[in-house]
Amino acid sequence: MSVAAASAHYFLGVDGGGTGCRARIEDEAGTVLGQGLSGPATTRLGIGAAWASVAKAFDAAIEEAGFGPAEIARIRAGIGLAGIGRKGALEAFRAIAHPFASIDFVSDGVGACLGAHSGQDGAIVIAGTGSIGIGFVDGRDLRVGGYGFPISDEGSGADLGLKAVQLALRAHDGRHERTALLTEVMQRFKDDPIEAVAWMDRATATDYAAFAPMVIRHADQGDPVGRRIVQGAAEQVDTFVRVLFEKGAPRLTLLGGLSSPLEPWLSPDVRRRLKPADGDAVSGAIILAKKSLGGR
């Protein structure tokens, strides 16, 4: 092995979200050496289960890169994890033994923001199953919303689904006009409110968000209730964006599974100010990993 190879740094980025986990290893030039995938890695599953998913993803990336112990010991790791802000979670992850030169953890949202703006100041609004606004400006962290469904996550897929189910039950009672959207929602419950109540007792944010594509499809087809629900969600996203700009964000990117379908519904002033992401959340985790060299 050459002297240069022996002193080389490698960077591992992991994006651990509620639906899956992605890992990537790059060299100092940014060349991708290995990638890996695994299942959900949110702290809601427990620290052990979340770390097992992260480890499965980075083990696959290490294997693809063909790394042995010598290379692994020169890896600087950055891990973005859903739910890292839960009490005690960060300390628990930092206490786990690892084989790397360094490791650091942030929330999956912070990882996405780092990636979207190449580590520079900026903000993101994520509109997916949940919703949140996150940013960095002059060393300050910005946050808007994202406190969890059903008390927060306005404009999210879960929020769209909740409103559709609420209005479908009202329409069933005759308290609200019954449109094609609301008829289809009630068909999911065999047109029986008791079925909806039984479903509600065990439904998660993800289960509510499963109605979002139906709501958007009907809205795009002109269903008046669908249009009102989607317009309301877009207004919430408009507010996220405007507040983040008011707080000093110099640039903003809209991310998440609902970002594309909601964008046409946003106000013109908001749409004009959005910029595409520079990179993804794994890129952000790699930027985090590289920051460990800053103090050297």
Foldseek 3Di string as FASTA:
>chain_A
DDPCVLQWAKEKFWQAAQAWIKIWIATPVRHTQFIFIFGHQACVVPLVVNVVRNCRGVVRRCVSNVDDLSRQQRYQFFYAHAHCPPPPNQVVVVPDDDSYVYYHYHHLLLLFACQQVVNDWFKEWEAELFIWIWTDDPNDIDIDWPPFPPVTRFLHLLQLLVVLQVQLVCVLVVNHPCWPLSVVVCVVQVVDVVSVVVCVVPDDSVNSSVSSVSLLVVLVVPTPVSVVSLLRSQVVVLVSQVVVVVVPGPAYAYHYPCCVSNLVSHDPVSNVRHDGGNGGSSSSSRSVSVVVVVVD
